[in-house]
Amino acid sequence: MPNPAKEIATHHGLHFDPEMREDVRRRLLSVRGHVEGILRMLEDESAYCVDILKQIKAVDGALDKVGDLVLRSHLKDHVVTAHERGDVGEIVEELMEVLKYR
């Protein structure tokens, strides 16, 4: 059985404006730096658990923000135009699937 979310994703692609794309890129680089810092902390026997938990929370927050930006772009560039394309049902199903993870 075909997956409508995959079919839609392959037809429409990522439509970030350059400023938003750079914002998402910068945020993900920051996340990578935080994760690398967490890994270094885990190798340090003197690292305090609460400090590690704080860094993990920072990564969670940063990833949530990236998810928000991607979702906002998707809503703007794909969802609001679904009626024009004639794929409202597919877009609704796709969003229901995505929202299970948010």
Protein backbone atom coordinates (compact mmCIF):
# COMPACT_ATOMS: atom_id res chain seq x y z
CA MET A 1 0.00 0.00 0.00
CA PRO A 2 1.53 3.37 -0.97
CA ASN A 3 2.41 5.85 1.75
CA PRO A 4 0.80 9.25 0.93
CA ALA A 5 3.27 11.11 3.16
CA LYS A 6 6.21 9.71 1.20
CA GLU A 7 4.53 10.44 -2.13
CA ILE A 8 3.83 14.06 -1.15
CA ALA A 9 7.33 14.55 0.23
CA THR A 10 8.91 13.39 -3.00
CA HIS A 11 6.72 15.66 -5.12
CA HIS A 12 7.13 18.93 -3.26
CA GLY A 13 10.58 19.11 -1.72
CA LEU A 14 12.03 21.55 0.77
CA HIS A 15 11.09 25.17 0.09
CA PHE A 16 12.99 27.07 2.77
CA ASP A 17 13.77 30.64 1.95
CA PRO A 18 17.56 31.21 2.18
CA GLU A 19 17.34 33.06 5.50
CA MET A 20 15.30 30.31 7.13
CA ARG A 21 17.56 27.60 5.70
CA GLU A 22 20.58 29.37 7.21
CA ASP A 23 18.80 29.72 10.56
CA VAL A 24 18.00 25.99 10.63
CA ARG A 25 21.57 25.17 9.56
CA ARG A 26 23.05 27.36 12.33
CA ARG A 27 20.78 25.80 14.92
CA LEU A 28 21.72 22.28 13.86
CA LEU A 29 25.42 23.14 14.00
CA SER A 30 24.83 24.39 17.53
CA VAL A 31 23.05 21.13 18.39
CA ARG A 32 25.99 19.19 17.00
CA GLY A 33 28.34 21.23 19.20
CA HIS A 34 26.19 20.58 22.26
CA VAL A 35 26.06 16.84 21.55
CA GLU A 36 29.84 16.74 21.11
CA GLY A 37 30.13 18.58 24.44
CA ILE A 38 27.87 16.01 26.10
CA LEU A 39 30.03 13.22 24.72
CA ARG A 40 33.14 14.91 26.15
CA MET A 41 31.39 15.30 29.50
CA LEU A 42 30.59 11.58 29.55
CA GLU A 43 34.27 10.80 29.10
CA ASP A 44 35.15 13.04 32.06
CA GLU A 45 34.70 11.17 35.33
CA SER A 46 34.38 14.48 37.19
CA ALA A 47 31.41 15.67 35.09
CA TYR A 48 28.32 16.34 37.16
CA CYS A 49 25.13 14.53 36.13
CA VAL A 50 22.99 17.67 36.47
CA ASP A 51 25.31 19.55 34.09
CA ILE A 52 24.89 16.76 31.55
CA LEU A 53 21.12 16.85 31.98
CA LYS A 54 21.13 20.62 31.39
CA GLN A 55 23.03 20.16 28.14
CA ILE A 56 20.63 17.42 27.03
CA LYS A 57 17.71 19.77 27.75
CA ALA A 58 19.41 22.49 25.67
CA VAL A 59 19.68 20.04 22.77
CA ASP A 60 16.01 19.09 23.17
CA GLY A 61 15.00 22.75 23.05
CA ALA A 62 17.15 23.49 20.03
CA LEU A 63 15.77 20.49 18.12
CA ASP A 64 12.21 21.52 19.05
CA LYS A 65 12.87 24.96 17.58
CA VAL A 66 14.26 23.43 14.38
CA GLY A 67 11.18 21.22 14.18
CA ASP A 68 8.97 24.27 14.61
CA LEU A 69 10.76 26.08 11.78
CA VAL A 70 10.44 23.10 9.43
CA LEU A 71 6.78 22.63 10.34
CA ARG A 72 6.08 26.34 9.81
CA SER A 73 7.68 26.15 6.37
CA HIS A 74 5.68 23.06 5.52
CA LEU A 75 2.43 24.68 6.60
CA LYS A 76 3.19 27.81 4.59
CA ASP A 77 4.51 26.16 1.43
CA HIS A 78 2.51 22.94 1.22
CA VAL A 79 -0.53 22.89 3.47
CA VAL A 80 -2.06 26.24 2.53
CA THR A 81 -1.73 25.38 -1.15
CA ALA A 82 -3.13 21.82 -0.89
CA HIS A 83 -6.55 22.84 -2.17
CA GLU A 84 -5.05 24.38 -5.32
CA ARG A 85 -3.12 21.17 -6.00
CA GLY A 86 -6.07 18.91 -5.18
CA ASP A 87 -4.27 16.91 -2.50
CA VAL A 88 -6.08 18.09 0.65
CA GLY A 89 -6.80 14.54 1.84
CA GLU A 90 -3.19 13.48 1.45
CA ILE A 91 -1.92 16.59 3.22
CA VAL A 92 -4.32 16.04 6.14
CA GLU A 93 -3.16 12.43 6.49
CA GLU A 94 0.46 13.53 6.29
CA LEU A 95 -0.06 16.15 9.01
CA MET A 96 -1.84 13.68 11.28
CA GLU A 97 1.16 11.37 10.94
CA VAL A 98 3.65 14.17 11.63
CA LEU A 99 1.71 15.49 14.62
CA LYS A 100 1.93 12.11 16.34
CA TYR A 101 5.61 12.91 16.91
CA ARG A 102 5.22 16.56 18.06
